[in-house]
Protein backbone atom coordinates (compact mmCIF):
# COMPACT_ATOMS: atom_id res chain seq x y z
CA MET A 1 50.47 -32.70 -32.87
CA THR A 2 47.94 -34.00 -30.08
CA GLY A 3 49.68 -35.45 -27.27
CA GLU A 4 53.42 -34.30 -28.46
CA LEU A 5 53.76 -31.79 -25.97
CA GLN A 6 52.77 -34.24 -23.33
CA SER A 7 55.30 -36.85 -24.63
CA LEU A 8 57.97 -34.15 -24.82
CA LEU A 9 57.75 -33.10 -21.42
CA GLY A 10 56.46 -35.98 -19.66
CA ILE A 11 53.12 -34.50 -18.62
CA ASP A 12 49.74 -35.53 -18.71
CA THR A 13 47.76 -32.38 -19.79
CA PRO A 14 49.60 -29.82 -21.98
CA ILE A 15 48.53 -26.83 -19.64
CA VAL A 16 51.92 -24.80 -18.32
CA LEU A 17 51.73 -22.33 -15.57
CA GLY A 18 53.19 -18.84 -16.37
CA PRO A 19 56.49 -18.50 -14.64
CA PHE A 20 56.01 -15.43 -12.54
CA GLY A 21 59.20 -13.36 -11.79
CA GLY A 22 58.94 -12.48 -8.22
CA LEU A 23 55.49 -13.78 -7.79
CA SER A 24 56.18 -17.50 -8.15
CA SER A 25 55.45 -19.93 -5.31
CA VAL A 26 56.14 -23.41 -4.50
CA ALA A 27 52.43 -24.29 -3.52
CA LEU A 28 51.42 -23.34 -6.92
CA THR A 29 53.87 -24.68 -9.04
CA ALA A 30 53.61 -28.00 -7.43
CA SER A 31 49.66 -27.48 -7.40
CA VAL A 32 49.85 -27.30 -11.35
CA SER A 33 51.93 -30.10 -11.56
CA ASP A 34 50.22 -32.54 -9.62
CA CYS A 35 47.24 -31.69 -11.42
CA GLY A 36 49.04 -33.42 -14.64
CA GLY A 37 50.33 -29.87 -15.89
CA LEU A 38 53.72 -28.34 -16.04
CA GLY A 39 54.28 -26.03 -13.13
CA SER A 40 56.60 -23.33 -13.66
CA PHE A 41 58.87 -21.26 -11.20
CA GLY A 42 60.28 -17.97 -12.08
CA LEU A 43 63.78 -17.79 -10.78
CA TYR A 44 64.47 -13.79 -11.70
CA GLY A 45 67.11 -12.49 -9.18
CA TYR A 46 67.50 -15.82 -7.30
CA SER A 47 71.05 -16.98 -6.33
CA GLY A 48 72.37 -20.17 -6.60
CA ASP A 49 71.73 -21.20 -3.36
CA ARG A 50 68.37 -20.08 -3.20
CA ILE A 51 67.76 -21.80 -7.00
CA ARG A 52 68.81 -25.00 -5.18
CA ASP A 53 66.76 -24.30 -1.95
CA THR A 54 63.79 -23.81 -4.08
CA ALA A 55 64.25 -26.69 -6.50
CA THR A 56 64.53 -28.92 -3.14
CA ALA A 57 61.25 -27.63 -1.68
CA LEU A 58 59.73 -28.29 -4.93
CA ARG A 59 60.83 -31.68 -5.12
CA ALA A 60 59.41 -32.27 -1.69
CA ALA A 61 56.00 -30.96 -2.69
CA THR A 62 55.45 -32.67 -5.86
CA GLY A 63 56.99 -35.63 -7.71
CA ARG A 64 55.96 -34.52 -11.05
CA PRO A 65 57.76 -32.54 -13.53
CA PHE A 66 58.50 -28.81 -13.26
CA ALA A 67 59.77 -26.11 -15.27
CA LEU A 68 62.43 -23.46 -13.72
CA ASN A 69 62.63 -20.26 -15.67
CA LEU A 70 65.47 -18.05 -16.36
CA TRP A 71 65.76 -14.15 -17.51
CA LEU A 72 68.86 -14.35 -20.38
CA PRO A 73 70.83 -11.41 -20.17
CA THR A 74 70.17 -9.15 -23.20
CA GLY A 75 73.54 -7.06 -22.99
CA ASP A 76 71.48 -3.75 -22.06
CA GLU A 77 71.41 -4.46 -18.49
CA VAL A 78 73.59 -1.73 -16.52
CA ALA A 79 75.49 -2.12 -13.34
CA PRO A 80 75.40 -0.28 -10.02
CA ASP A 81 78.65 1.86 -11.00
CA GLU A 82 77.23 2.77 -14.31
CA VAL A 83 73.91 4.60 -13.72
CA ASP A 84 72.88 7.78 -12.00
CA LEU A 85 69.81 7.36 -9.94
CA THR A 86 69.25 10.76 -8.76
CA ALA A 87 66.25 11.50 -11.22
CA ALA A 88 64.51 8.12 -10.61
CA GLN A 89 65.25 8.30 -6.69
CA ALA A 90 63.39 11.72 -6.72
CA ALA A 91 60.55 10.27 -8.73
CA VAL A 92 60.09 7.24 -5.94
CA ALA A 93 60.33 9.49 -3.02
CA PRO A 94 56.63 9.99 -2.22
CA LEU A 95 56.40 6.15 -2.86
CA PHE A 96 59.37 5.59 -0.33
CA GLU A 97 57.45 7.53 2.09
CA ALA A 98 54.19 6.00 1.74
CA ALA A 99 55.91 2.74 2.52
CA GLY A 100 57.67 3.63 5.45
CA ALA A 101 61.02 2.81 3.99
CA ALA A 102 64.28 4.59 3.07
CA VAL A 103 66.45 4.20 -0.22
CA PRO A 104 68.95 1.44 0.42
CA PRO A 105 72.53 1.55 -0.22
CA LEU A 106 73.41 0.59 -3.87
CA PRO A 107 74.47 -3.49 -4.07
CA ALA A 108 77.78 -4.85 -5.51
CA ALA A 109 75.40 -5.93 -8.08
CA PHE A 110 71.67 -5.73 -9.22
CA LEU A 111 71.47 -9.45 -10.32
CA PRO A 112 73.34 -12.35 -9.54
CA PRO A 113 75.70 -13.54 -12.21
CA PRO A 114 73.88 -15.83 -15.16
CA SER A 115 76.60 -18.44 -14.73
CA GLU A 116 75.82 -18.94 -11.10
CA GLN A 117 72.25 -19.50 -11.99
CA LEU A 118 72.92 -21.85 -14.75
CA ASP A 119 74.83 -23.75 -12.50
CA ALA A 120 72.23 -24.08 -9.82
CA VAL A 121 69.85 -25.01 -12.35
CA TRP A 122 71.80 -27.71 -13.58
CA ASP A 123 72.46 -28.99 -10.02
CA ALA A 124 68.55 -28.98 -9.60
CA ALA A 125 67.86 -30.90 -12.90
CA PRO A 126 64.41 -29.90 -13.52
CA ALA A 127 62.24 -31.48 -16.21
CA VAL A 128 62.32 -28.30 -17.98
CA LEU A 129 64.53 -25.11 -18.11
CA SER A 130 62.29 -22.19 -19.76
CA VAL A 131 63.56 -18.97 -20.82
CA VAL A 132 62.74 -15.61 -21.82
CA PHE A 133 64.36 -12.61 -23.49
CA GLY A 134 66.45 -14.22 -25.72
CA VAL A 135 67.83 -17.62 -27.28
CA PRO A 136 69.90 -19.67 -25.00
CA ALA A 137 73.56 -20.15 -26.22
CA PRO A 138 74.10 -23.57 -28.07
CA GLU A 139 76.48 -24.79 -25.05
CA VAL A 140 73.32 -24.16 -22.72
CA VAL A 141 71.03 -26.16 -24.84
CA ALA A 142 73.69 -28.67 -25.63
CA GLU A 143 74.22 -29.15 -21.67
CA ALA A 144 70.58 -29.33 -21.07
CA HIS A 145 70.05 -31.93 -23.24
CA ARG A 146 72.80 -33.69 -22.13
CA ARG A 147 71.31 -33.85 -18.76
CA GLY A 148 67.66 -34.63 -20.23
CA ILE A 149 66.20 -31.37 -19.50
CA ARG A 150 64.02 -30.01 -22.13
CA VAL A 151 64.23 -26.56 -23.28
CA ILE A 152 61.40 -24.08 -23.84
CA GLY A 153 61.99 -20.54 -25.32
CA THR A 154 59.41 -17.89 -25.45
CA ALA A 155 58.74 -15.73 -28.53
CA THR A 156 56.70 -12.37 -29.27
CA THR A 157 57.12 -12.19 -32.91
CA VAL A 158 57.47 -15.02 -35.44
CA ALA A 159 60.95 -14.08 -36.07
CA GLU A 160 61.89 -14.60 -32.73
CA ALA A 161 60.14 -18.02 -32.60
CA VAL A 162 62.34 -19.06 -35.75
CA ALA A 163 65.45 -17.80 -34.06
CA LEU A 164 64.39 -19.91 -31.13
CA GLU A 165 64.12 -23.08 -33.03
CA GLU A 166 67.27 -22.43 -34.95
CA GLY A 167 68.69 -22.53 -31.52
CA GLY A 168 67.76 -25.87 -30.69
CA VAL A 169 64.78 -25.34 -28.11
CA ASP A 170 62.40 -28.14 -28.03
CA ALA A 171 59.19 -25.88 -27.46
CA VAL A 172 58.18 -22.30 -28.24
CA VAL A 173 55.82 -20.10 -26.04
CA ALA A 174 54.09 -17.44 -28.43
CA SER A 175 53.30 -14.84 -26.06
CA GLY A 176 50.73 -12.81 -27.13
CA ALA A 177 50.44 -8.96 -26.31
CA GLU A 178 47.47 -9.59 -24.32
CA ALA A 179 49.47 -11.17 -21.81
CA ALA A 180 50.32 -10.32 -18.25
CA GLY A 181 54.00 -9.18 -16.87
CA HIS A 182 56.89 -8.20 -19.21
CA ARG A 183 56.88 -8.13 -23.07
CA VAL A 184 60.05 -10.32 -23.36
CA SER A 185 60.95 -9.55 -26.99
CA PHE A 186 64.34 -9.66 -28.07
CA LEU A 187 65.14 -9.14 -31.80
CA ARG A 188 63.07 -5.62 -31.51
CA PRO A 189 62.12 -3.39 -28.90
CA ALA A 190 58.86 -4.52 -27.13
CA GLU A 191 56.88 -2.06 -28.39
CA GLU A 192 57.24 -3.00 -32.02
CA SER A 193 56.61 -6.41 -31.07
CA LEU A 194 53.06 -6.23 -29.69
CA VAL A 195 51.51 -8.79 -31.91
CA GLY A 196 48.03 -10.42 -30.30
CA THR A 197 47.66 -13.87 -29.61
CA PHE A 198 44.94 -14.51 -32.20
CA ALA A 199 47.55 -13.46 -34.65
CA LEU A 200 50.65 -14.73 -33.19
CA VAL A 201 49.68 -18.35 -32.78
CA PRO A 202 48.78 -19.63 -35.91
CA GLN A 203 51.66 -17.57 -37.85
CA VAL A 204 54.13 -18.98 -35.51
CA VAL A 205 52.75 -22.71 -35.75
CA ASP A 206 53.29 -22.14 -39.66
CA ALA A 207 56.66 -20.81 -39.11
CA VAL A 208 58.44 -23.65 -36.74
CA ASP A 209 58.23 -27.60 -36.45
CA VAL A 210 58.27 -27.55 -32.93
CA PRO A 211 55.39 -27.73 -30.62
CA VAL A 212 54.05 -24.08 -29.86
CA ILE A 213 52.59 -22.90 -26.65
CA ALA A 214 49.79 -20.13 -26.82
CA ALA A 215 50.10 -17.48 -24.24
CA GLY A 216 48.23 -14.70 -23.61
CA GLY A 217 44.54 -14.33 -23.09
CA VAL A 218 44.13 -17.74 -21.99
CA ALA A 219 42.00 -17.59 -18.82
CA ASP A 220 39.02 -20.33 -19.15
CA ARG A 221 37.66 -23.27 -21.45
CA ARG A 222 37.21 -21.10 -24.24
CA GLY A 223 40.90 -19.60 -24.59
CA VAL A 224 42.18 -23.03 -24.56
CA ALA A 225 39.63 -24.26 -27.19
CA ALA A 226 40.92 -21.21 -29.42
CA ALA A 227 44.45 -21.79 -28.86
CA PHE A 228 44.08 -25.45 -30.13
CA ALA A 229 41.89 -23.98 -32.81
CA LEU A 230 44.93 -21.98 -34.05
CA GLY A 231 47.27 -25.17 -34.04
CA ALA A 232 48.78 -24.62 -30.47
CA ALA A 233 50.04 -27.91 -28.67
CA GLY A 234 49.42 -26.35 -25.16
CA VAL A 235 48.55 -23.43 -23.44
CA GLN A 236 50.51 -21.66 -20.75
CA VAL A 237 48.26 -19.58 -18.34
CA GLY A 238 49.54 -16.89 -16.08
CA SER A 239 46.85 -14.39 -14.70
CA ALA A 240 44.27 -16.95 -14.05
CA PHE A 241 46.43 -18.91 -11.48
CA LEU A 242 48.30 -16.04 -10.08
CA ARG A 243 44.73 -15.06 -8.32
CA THR A 244 44.56 -18.33 -6.81
CA ARG A 245 45.33 -18.19 -3.05
CA GLN A 246 48.44 -20.77 -3.63
CA SER A 247 50.03 -17.96 -5.67
CA ALA A 248 52.47 -15.41 -3.91
CA ALA A 249 50.62 -12.39 -5.02
CA ALA A 250 49.25 -10.24 -2.06
CA GLU A 251 45.53 -10.16 -1.57
CA ALA A 252 45.38 -6.90 -2.92
CA HIS A 253 46.87 -7.85 -6.01
CA ARG A 254 44.32 -11.05 -6.31
CA ALA A 255 41.80 -8.82 -5.58
CA ALA A 256 42.38 -6.65 -8.58
CA LEU A 257 42.83 -9.35 -10.77
CA ALA A 258 39.23 -10.63 -10.10
CA ALA A 259 37.89 -7.39 -10.50
CA ALA A 260 40.14 -6.49 -13.48
CA ALA A 261 37.83 -5.55 -16.72
CA ASP A 262 39.26 -5.74 -20.36
CA THR A 263 40.67 -2.36 -20.29
CA ASP A 264 42.01 -2.02 -17.16
CA THR A 265 45.72 -2.80 -17.81
CA VAL A 266 48.57 -0.59 -19.60
CA LEU A 267 51.89 -1.41 -20.67
CA THR A 268 54.41 0.36 -18.79
CA ARG A 269 58.14 0.76 -17.94
CA ALA A 270 57.85 2.28 -14.77
CA MET A 271 58.07 -0.43 -12.11
CA SER A 272 61.03 -2.27 -13.78
CA GLY A 273 62.67 -0.04 -16.76
CA ARG A 274 61.59 -2.76 -19.24
CA LEU A 275 58.10 -2.81 -20.79
CA ALA A 276 55.38 -4.81 -18.76
CA ARG A 277 51.74 -5.25 -18.79
CA GLY A 278 49.73 -4.70 -15.42
CA ILE A 279 46.84 -2.70 -13.88
CA PRO A 280 48.22 0.98 -13.27
CA ASN A 281 48.25 2.09 -9.30
CA ARG A 282 49.56 4.98 -7.41
CA ALA A 283 53.13 3.73 -7.85
CA VAL A 284 52.91 3.61 -11.68
CA ARG A 285 50.88 6.70 -11.90
CA THR A 286 53.76 8.52 -9.73
CA ILE A 287 56.40 7.42 -11.49
CA GLU A 288 54.85 7.98 -14.92
CA ARG A 289 53.94 11.69 -14.04
CA ALA A 290 57.59 12.30 -12.96
CA GLY A 291 58.63 11.01 -16.48
CA ALA A 292 62.25 9.54 -14.76
CA VAL A 293 62.60 5.90 -14.95
CA ALA A 294 65.85 4.35 -14.72
CA PRO A 295 67.24 1.64 -17.00
CA PHE A 296 66.61 -2.21 -16.24
CA PRO A 297 67.78 -3.77 -13.69
CA ALA A 298 68.29 -0.35 -11.78
CA GLN A 299 64.53 0.53 -11.68
CA ASN A 300 63.45 -2.83 -10.53
CA TRP A 301 66.11 -2.82 -8.02
CA LEU A 302 64.81 0.61 -6.85
CA THR A 303 61.13 -0.13 -7.12
CA GLY A 304 61.79 -3.22 -5.39
CA ALA A 305 62.88 -1.70 -1.94
CA PHE A 306 59.72 -0.09 -1.21
CA ARG A 307 57.64 -2.68 -2.93
CA SER A 308 59.19 -5.29 -0.30
CA ALA A 309 58.36 -2.90 2.45
CA ALA A 310 54.63 -2.67 1.51
CA ALA A 311 54.08 -5.94 0.25
CA GLN A 312 50.32 -6.19 1.11
CA ASP A 313 49.76 -2.35 -0.19
CA GLY A 314 47.82 -2.49 -3.74
CA ASP A 315 49.12 1.11 -4.40
CA LEU A 316 52.64 0.22 -4.18
CA VAL A 317 53.38 -3.13 -5.65
CA SER A 318 53.33 -4.23 -9.16
CA LEU A 319 50.24 -5.58 -10.13
CA TRP A 320 51.06 -7.66 -13.33
CA ALA A 321 47.94 -8.46 -14.98
CA GLY A 322 46.77 -9.83 -18.50
CA GLN A 323 43.65 -8.61 -20.50
CA ALA A 324 41.78 -11.74 -19.83
CA ALA A 325 42.34 -11.51 -16.06
CA GLY A 326 38.77 -10.80 -15.15
CA LEU A 327 37.70 -14.11 -17.24
CA SER A 328 39.05 -16.13 -13.93
CA ARG A 329 36.31 -17.03 -11.64
CA SER A 330 38.34 -19.09 -8.83
CA ASP A 331 40.67 -18.66 -6.34
CA ASP A 332 41.84 -22.09 -6.00
CA ALA A 333 44.60 -23.33 -8.48
CA ALA A 334 43.20 -27.10 -9.02
CA ALA A 335 39.74 -25.45 -10.19
CA VAL A 336 41.31 -23.05 -12.55
CA PHE A 337 43.26 -26.35 -13.98
CA ALA A 338 40.00 -28.04 -14.11
CA GLU A 339 38.26 -25.64 -16.04
CA LEU A 340 41.03 -25.17 -18.53
CA VAL A 341 40.84 -28.69 -19.01
CA ARG A 342 37.41 -28.69 -20.43
CA GLY A 343 38.60 -26.40 -23.36
CA LEU A 344 40.78 -29.14 -24.83
CA PRO A 345 40.33 -30.90 -27.62
CA ARG A 346 38.46 -34.57 -27.16
């Protein structure tokens, strides 16, 4: 298995940057790719034109392979004309006041059409298309392969990993419950799919024949060594890179990651309507006390309005963080990468 992931993806080192929906940056993606790993860029909510512009910027910043990441539709997404936001708006009213912002009028759509995003990805022609929240349709996998694009899926359970392999993906990210951000479960509710990395990775390795990338709780050389001991062919790292100055996270977010203790994160639906791991702040506590959360993606749009207005306020933004965030010791992406490399098998 040693070297299989590198050969598959055209990279030198089996270290993958976690794709951050809303927090990706060209600088961080390019840095990880230039170090020899696979830089990833999260495209949540991006229009087709914005995807094309992002890919152009990435190609100007690095000549190395990179991944573009899409959220697959699950079928439970609500449209603006299908949801009553009265209670959810009342819950976040104090947060809009604190941000000095007003609730904007409802958009025509909360998210761009998946077909628009896919067409843009085909035009962008990344080395890798990575997906979360499901198995890509057979025609999507076939078109990616026809274009020479590798496909990586993300699983939170063994059953999801098997479904992804059967769907034709080239590699599977086994995302343990320790990981930052959204729990990307798709076969069972996220609350019923909270398998820890140490338990998930070896069981996924035993269940599938494609390379497995371990995610969740990997922040330094020790996490890398553990992942490979469990049979992983690579690691995906989020929080340790998110706290670097190359990321798009606000300074308050990076400081919170640096100071995080093992018990400082929670799983919440408050910020987006879907279960995600982060550090609780005023926004999370206010919404959870009110007990009114709109369904996804309406809640994400609603909170996004005050988050954008208060982008540097750690009390009002989403502080996504994994349970091992406090293990990161550097604010430079290249230094984080070098630390991770020290845990690779010799």
